[in-house]
Amino acid sequence: MSQRKEEDEKRKKIVEERFAKIESKVDFLLDEVSQLRSLVRHLAGDTIQDWPILWATRESFDYQWRNLPEGEEMPSNPAWKAECGKRILRFTGLPADWFAGKKVMDAGCGLGRWTYGFGTLGVGSCTSFDISDSGVARTRELAAPFGAAFTVERKNILEDLGLPLDYDLVWCYGVLHHTGNTYKGFQNIAKCVKPGGYLSLMLYGEPRFDHPEDYDYHHEMFTVRKDLRNLPFEEKVRRLEAVYGKEKLHGYFDAISPEINDLYRFDEIQRWLIGAGFEDIKRTWPEHPNHHVVARRKIG
C-alpha cells in the first residue's frame, strides 16, 4: 500500500470516528430534549390555558371547520366517506361485528367525519363533542341520518365532561396534542371507558431516530408555520393552497395553522394508559410516524 493510500485510509477512519461521536452526542441530546419536553408540558399544562397560543389554536380549528370542510380525507370525498368505517376498524383493531349496538364517544369530533363512520358501523349510540361551534354544527349535519341516538354537544375536553362512565369505546383522533394539556384531556376521557371497554387514540409522534424524513417533515412544518404565523386565516389558506393544492389544503392547514402541535413518544402514552388501569396496549399502525393506539380497560 502506498504512503498516500495509507494516509487517505487514516483520514477516512478519523472522519468516521468523529461522525460516530457526533451521532452519539446527538442521540443523547435528543433523548434529553424529549425528557425535558415531557416535564415542561406537565408543568405548563394549567398555565398555558391563559396563553395566546391556546386561543389562536382554538380559533384556527373553528375557522377550519367553518370554512374548509373539503379534502382528500373528508366526507366531501365519496371514496373516503365509503371507506371511513373500515379505517375505524383498522385503527381500533376491532372486528366489524363488535360495533353493533355499542355505546361510543367521539371526543373532539371536529366536523364529524368519524361520527359518520360509527353510524355506518351500526353502533347503538354515539356521543360526539367539540369545543368549536362550527364543528358541532357540521357534525350534527352528518349525524342526522342516524337518529336521536347520535347526540352532538359543545364541550371542552379539558373540563369536566359531565358524561357517563360506561362507554364501550371512547375514540379521540388527532385532538389531545392540540390542547396544551394532553394529559388532563386524556384523564377526562379515559375515565369514561367502562371496564372491558376500549380507548382509541391518535397522537402525533416524535420523529423516529432511524427515519430522517421525519425530521425533514417536522422542520418543514415548523418553517412554514413560522412564516405564516401572524397572517389572517384567509391568507394562510391562499398560500398553502398555492403550494400543496386544493385536495391537500385541509390536511396542511390542520398541520400548520394551529399553534399547539405537541409530539409524543409511545412509552409516554403507555405510561398514562397503565396508570389509568388499561391493558392490552398496542399500536394498530406501527409503521406510521404518529401513534394510533388502542387499549382495553381492566375488568375488576
Protein backbone atom coordinates (compact mmCIF):
# COMPACT_ATOMS: atom_id res chain seq x y z
CA MET A 1 0.00 0.00 0.00
CA SER A 2 1.38 3.37 -0.99
CA GLN A 3 2.03 6.03 1.62
CA ARG A 4 -0.66 8.27 0.14
CA LYS A 5 -3.23 5.50 0.28
CA GLU A 6 -2.33 4.81 3.91
CA GLU A 7 -2.78 8.49 4.75
CA ASP A 8 -6.15 8.52 2.99
CA GLU A 9 -7.27 5.49 4.97
CA LYS A 10 -6.19 7.11 8.23
CA ARG A 11 -8.08 10.31 7.40
CA LYS A 12 -11.15 8.31 6.46
CA LYS A 13 -11.01 6.43 9.77
CA ILE A 14 -10.63 9.68 11.72
CA VAL A 15 -13.64 11.18 9.94
CA GLU A 16 -15.73 8.06 10.58
CA GLU A 17 -14.80 8.08 14.27
CA ARG A 18 -15.71 11.76 14.55
CA PHE A 19 -19.06 11.21 12.87
CA ALA A 20 -19.76 8.30 15.21
CA LYS A 21 -19.01 10.50 18.22
CA ILE A 22 -21.21 13.30 16.88
CA GLU A 23 -24.04 10.86 16.23
CA SER A 24 -23.80 9.51 19.79
CA LYS A 25 -23.87 13.04 21.21
CA VAL A 26 -26.87 13.99 19.06
CA ASP A 27 -28.74 10.88 20.20
CA PHE A 28 -28.05 11.81 23.82
CA LEU A 29 -29.21 15.40 23.30
CA LEU A 30 -32.39 14.27 21.56
CA ASP A 31 -33.13 11.93 24.46
CA GLU A 32 -32.60 14.77 26.93
CA VAL A 33 -34.79 17.16 24.94
CA SER A 34 -37.56 14.57 24.78
CA GLN A 35 -37.48 14.01 28.54
CA LEU A 36 -37.36 17.73 29.32
CA ARG A 37 -40.17 18.48 26.89
CA SER A 38 -42.35 15.91 28.62
CA LEU A 39 -41.71 17.52 32.02
CA VAL A 40 -42.30 21.06 30.72
CA ARG A 41 -45.65 20.05 29.22
CA HIS A 42 -46.82 18.73 32.59
CA LEU A 43 -45.59 21.82 34.42
CA ALA A 44 -47.13 24.25 31.92
CA GLY A 45 -50.38 22.34 31.40
CA ASP A 46 -52.58 24.58 33.57
CA THR A 47 -50.89 27.93 32.95
CA ILE A 48 -50.89 27.54 29.18
CA GLN A 49 -54.67 27.88 29.21
CA ASP A 50 -54.22 31.65 29.56
CA TRP A 51 -51.62 31.98 26.79
CA PRO A 52 -52.37 33.45 23.34
CA ILE A 53 -51.22 30.25 21.60
CA LEU A 54 -54.16 28.33 23.08
CA TRP A 55 -56.75 30.80 21.87
CA ALA A 56 -55.05 31.02 18.49
CA THR A 57 -55.25 27.22 18.19
CA ARG A 58 -58.95 27.14 19.05
CA GLU A 59 -59.75 29.97 16.64
CA SER A 60 -57.83 28.14 13.91
CA PHE A 61 -59.91 24.98 14.29
CA ASP A 62 -63.18 26.91 14.40
CA TYR A 63 -62.19 28.63 11.16
CA GLN A 64 -61.15 25.27 9.68
CA TRP A 65 -64.44 23.52 10.44
CA ARG A 66 -66.45 26.52 9.22
CA ASN A 67 -64.55 27.26 6.00
CA LEU A 68 -62.55 24.17 4.96
CA PRO A 69 -64.88 21.16 5.01
CA GLU A 70 -63.44 19.61 1.85
CA GLY A 71 -60.35 17.48 1.26
CA GLU A 72 -58.96 14.05 0.43
CA GLU A 73 -59.75 12.61 3.87
CA MET A 74 -63.01 14.45 4.46
CA PRO A 75 -66.65 13.38 3.99
CA SER A 76 -66.74 15.58 0.87
CA ASN A 77 -64.68 12.85 -0.82
CA PRO A 78 -67.11 9.99 -1.68
CA ALA A 79 -64.29 7.43 -1.78
CA TRP A 80 -63.06 8.38 1.69
CA LYS A 81 -66.61 8.50 3.05
CA ALA A 82 -67.26 4.97 1.78
CA GLU A 83 -64.10 3.69 3.48
CA CYS A 84 -64.46 5.61 6.76
CA GLY A 85 -65.86 2.65 8.71
CA LYS A 86 -63.02 0.41 7.52
CA ARG A 87 -60.49 2.95 8.78
CA ILE A 88 -62.08 2.83 12.22
CA LEU A 89 -61.74 -0.96 12.16
CA ARG A 90 -58.05 -0.64 11.29
CA PHE A 91 -57.28 1.97 13.95
CA THR A 92 -59.14 0.14 16.73
CA GLY A 93 -58.18 -3.38 15.69
CA LEU A 94 -61.77 -4.46 16.41
CA PRO A 95 -63.93 -6.59 14.07
CA ALA A 96 -66.94 -5.03 12.34
CA ASP A 97 -69.48 -7.13 14.27
CA TRP A 98 -68.14 -5.81 17.60
CA PHE A 99 -69.65 -2.35 16.96
CA ALA A 100 -73.29 -3.43 16.66
CA GLY A 101 -75.30 -1.80 19.44
CA LYS A 102 -72.23 -0.39 21.23
CA LYS A 103 -72.13 2.93 23.13
CA VAL A 104 -69.42 5.14 21.60
CA MET A 105 -67.91 8.56 22.30
CA ASP A 106 -66.25 10.70 19.62
CA ALA A 107 -64.16 13.07 21.74
CA GLY A 108 -63.16 16.18 19.77
CA CYS A 109 -65.28 15.29 16.77
CA GLY A 110 -64.22 18.19 14.55
CA LEU A 111 -66.64 18.28 11.63
CA GLY A 112 -67.90 14.76 12.39
CA ARG A 113 -66.17 12.50 9.88
CA TRP A 114 -65.59 9.72 12.43
CA THR A 115 -69.06 10.17 13.92
CA TYR A 116 -70.38 9.40 10.45
CA GLY A 117 -68.11 6.34 10.31
CA PHE A 118 -69.55 5.00 13.56
CA GLY A 119 -73.01 5.39 12.10
CA THR A 120 -72.07 3.20 9.14
CA LEU A 121 -70.79 0.56 11.57
CA GLY A 122 -74.18 0.34 13.28
CA VAL A 123 -73.30 1.44 16.80
CA GLY A 124 -76.18 1.72 19.26
CA SER A 125 -75.41 5.30 20.24
CA CYS A 126 -72.72 7.92 19.74
CA THR A 127 -71.97 10.95 21.90
CA SER A 128 -69.88 13.46 19.96
CA PHE A 129 -68.49 16.73 21.23
CA ASP A 130 -66.15 19.51 20.21
CA ILE A 131 -65.17 22.94 21.53
CA SER A 132 -65.86 24.54 18.14
CA ASP A 133 -69.39 25.78 17.41
CA SER A 134 -68.72 25.31 13.71
CA GLY A 135 -67.53 21.74 14.29
CA VAL A 136 -70.62 20.92 16.35
CA ALA A 137 -72.92 22.30 13.65
CA ARG A 138 -71.26 20.29 10.87
CA THR A 139 -71.19 17.11 12.95
CA ARG A 140 -74.92 17.42 13.59
CA GLU A 141 -75.48 17.50 9.83
CA LEU A 142 -73.50 14.30 9.30
CA ALA A 143 -75.05 12.58 12.34
CA ALA A 144 -78.66 13.44 11.47
CA PRO A 145 -79.33 10.32 9.33
CA PHE A 146 -78.54 8.05 12.28
CA GLY A 147 -81.31 9.35 14.50
CA ALA A 148 -81.74 10.53 18.09
CA ALA A 149 -79.19 8.03 19.48
CA PHE A 150 -76.48 10.25 17.96
CA THR A 151 -76.05 13.37 20.08
CA VAL A 152 -73.62 16.24 19.43
CA GLU A 153 -72.68 18.77 22.11
CA ARG A 154 -70.26 21.62 22.66
CA LYS A 155 -67.74 20.62 25.33
CA ASN A 156 -64.15 21.38 26.29
CA ILE A 157 -62.11 18.21 26.65
CA LEU A 158 -60.03 19.92 29.37
CA GLU A 159 -63.06 20.48 31.61
CA ASP A 160 -65.40 18.12 33.44
CA LEU A 161 -67.36 16.46 30.64
CA GLY A 162 -70.36 15.53 32.77
CA LEU A 163 -70.77 12.32 30.77
CA PRO A 164 -71.44 8.74 31.93
CA LEU A 165 -68.55 6.40 32.74
CA ASP A 166 -69.88 3.43 30.78
CA TYR A 167 -68.80 3.81 27.17
CA ASP A 168 -67.81 0.69 25.25
CA LEU A 169 -65.43 2.77 23.13
CA VAL A 170 -64.01 6.25 23.57
CA TRP A 171 -62.44 7.50 20.35
CA CYS A 172 -60.14 10.54 20.28
CA TYR A 173 -58.39 11.07 16.96
CA GLY A 174 -55.88 13.89 16.49
CA VAL A 175 -57.23 16.06 19.30
CA LEU A 176 -55.26 15.86 22.54
CA HIS A 177 -51.94 17.09 21.13
CA HIS A 178 -53.61 20.41 20.23
CA THR A 179 -55.00 21.17 23.70
CA GLY A 180 -51.90 22.37 25.56
CA ASN A 181 -52.65 19.90 28.36
CA THR A 182 -52.72 16.50 26.72
CA TYR A 183 -52.56 14.50 29.94
CA LYS A 184 -55.52 16.30 31.54
CA GLY A 185 -57.61 15.77 28.43
CA PHE A 186 -56.57 12.12 28.43
CA GLN A 187 -57.68 11.73 32.05
CA ASN A 188 -61.07 13.28 31.33
CA ILE A 189 -61.92 10.87 28.53
CA ALA A 190 -60.16 7.76 29.87
CA LYS A 191 -62.39 7.62 32.96
CA CYS A 192 -65.46 7.40 30.69
CA VAL A 193 -64.44 3.94 29.42
CA LYS A 194 -66.25 1.13 31.21
CA PRO A 195 -64.40 -1.98 32.45
CA GLY A 196 -63.71 -4.15 29.43
CA GLY A 197 -64.22 -1.19 27.10
CA TYR A 198 -61.68 0.38 24.77
CA LEU A 199 -59.89 3.70 24.39
CA SER A 200 -58.61 4.57 20.92
CA LEU A 201 -56.19 7.48 20.48
CA MET A 202 -54.26 9.12 17.68
CA LEU A 203 -51.42 11.35 18.86
CA TYR A 204 -48.59 12.99 16.95
CA GLY A 205 -45.32 11.08 17.37
CA GLU A 206 -41.83 12.42 17.87
CA PRO A 207 -39.50 11.93 14.89
CA ARG A 208 -38.13 8.40 14.78
CA PHE A 209 -34.34 8.19 15.12
CA ASP A 210 -33.94 5.90 12.12
CA HIS A 211 -36.22 7.93 9.83
CA PRO A 212 -34.51 11.16 8.73
CA GLU A 213 -37.56 12.00 6.65
CA ASP A 214 -39.48 12.53 9.91
CA TYR A 215 -37.06 15.30 10.89
CA ASP A 216 -37.33 16.81 7.40
CA TYR A 217 -41.13 16.85 7.64
CA HIS A 218 -41.26 18.49 11.07
CA HIS A 219 -38.65 21.04 10.05
CA GLU A 220 -40.75 21.90 7.01
CA MET A 221 -43.89 22.24 9.15
CA PHE A 222 -42.05 24.42 11.68
CA THR A 223 -40.66 26.68 8.97
CA VAL A 224 -43.98 27.15 7.17
CA ARG A 225 -45.81 27.63 10.48
CA LYS A 226 -43.32 30.32 11.48
CA ASP A 227 -43.61 32.11 8.14
CA LEU A 228 -47.44 32.12 8.19
CA ARG A 229 -48.00 32.53 11.94
CA ASN A 230 -49.21 36.14 12.02
CA LEU A 231 -51.19 36.16 8.79
CA PRO A 232 -55.01 36.17 8.60
CA PHE A 233 -56.51 32.73 8.08
CA GLU A 234 -57.64 33.62 4.56
CA GLU A 235 -54.05 34.44 3.57
CA LYS A 236 -52.77 31.23 5.13
CA VAL A 237 -55.28 29.31 3.05
CA ARG A 238 -54.24 31.11 -0.13
CA ARG A 239 -50.55 30.39 0.39
CA LEU A 240 -50.99 26.77 1.46
CA GLU A 241 -53.27 26.02 -1.47
CA ALA A 242 -50.71 27.52 -3.84
CA VAL A 243 -48.01 25.17 -2.53
CA TYR A 244 -49.89 21.95 -1.69
CA GLY A 245 -53.02 22.11 -3.86
CA LYS A 246 -56.73 22.19 -3.01
CA GLU A 247 -57.10 18.49 -2.25
CA LYS A 248 -54.34 18.57 0.38
CA LEU A 249 -55.23 22.03 1.71
CA HIS A 250 -57.32 20.80 4.63
CA GLY A 251 -54.61 18.44 5.89
CA TYR A 252 -51.83 21.00 5.66
CA PHE A 253 -53.92 23.75 7.23
CA ASP A 254 -54.61 21.32 10.09
CA ALA A 255 -50.89 20.64 10.50
CA ILE A 256 -49.62 24.20 10.14
CA SER A 257 -52.21 26.72 11.34
CA PRO A 258 -52.77 25.55 14.96
CA GLU A 259 -50.16 26.98 17.34
CA ILE A 260 -50.07 23.91 19.61
CA ASN A 261 -48.81 20.69 17.98
CA ASP A 262 -47.26 18.56 20.72
CA LEU A 263 -45.30 15.41 19.83
CA TYR A 264 -45.12 12.29 21.99
CA ARG A 265 -43.22 9.05 22.49
CA PHE A 266 -45.14 5.79 22.62
CA ASP A 267 -43.72 4.93 26.04
CA GLU A 268 -45.23 8.17 27.45
CA ILE A 269 -48.67 7.18 26.18
CA GLN A 270 -48.22 3.66 27.54
CA ARG A 271 -47.43 5.07 30.97
CA TRP A 272 -50.63 7.12 31.02
CA LEU A 273 -52.70 4.11 29.99
CA ILE A 274 -51.15 1.76 32.53
CA GLY A 275 -51.68 4.33 35.28
CA ALA A 276 -55.34 4.72 34.26
CA GLY A 277 -55.98 0.97 34.51
CA PHE A 278 -55.69 -0.10 30.88
CA GLU A 279 -54.08 -3.22 29.42
CA ASP A 280 -53.58 -4.86 26.01
CA ILE A 281 -51.98 -1.62 24.82
CA LYS A 282 -50.92 -1.67 21.19
CA ARG A 283 -50.20 0.47 18.16
CA THR A 284 -52.53 -0.59 15.39
CA TRP A 285 -50.46 1.10 12.66
CA PRO A 286 -46.89 0.72 13.97
CA GLU A 287 -45.18 1.71 10.73
CA HIS A 288 -46.82 5.16 10.80
CA PRO A 289 -44.89 8.04 12.43
CA ASN A 290 -47.94 9.02 14.51
CA HIS A 291 -49.33 6.84 17.29
CA HIS A 292 -52.59 5.01 16.58
CA VAL A 293 -53.14 3.38 19.96
CA VAL A 294 -55.89 1.19 21.38
CA ALA A 295 -56.13 -0.21 24.92
CA ARG A 296 -58.72 -2.10 26.99
CA ARG A 297 -59.73 -1.10 30.49
CA LYS A 298 -59.16 -3.85 33.03
CA ILE A 299 -62.13 -5.68 34.47
CA GLY A 300 -62.10 -5.71 38.27
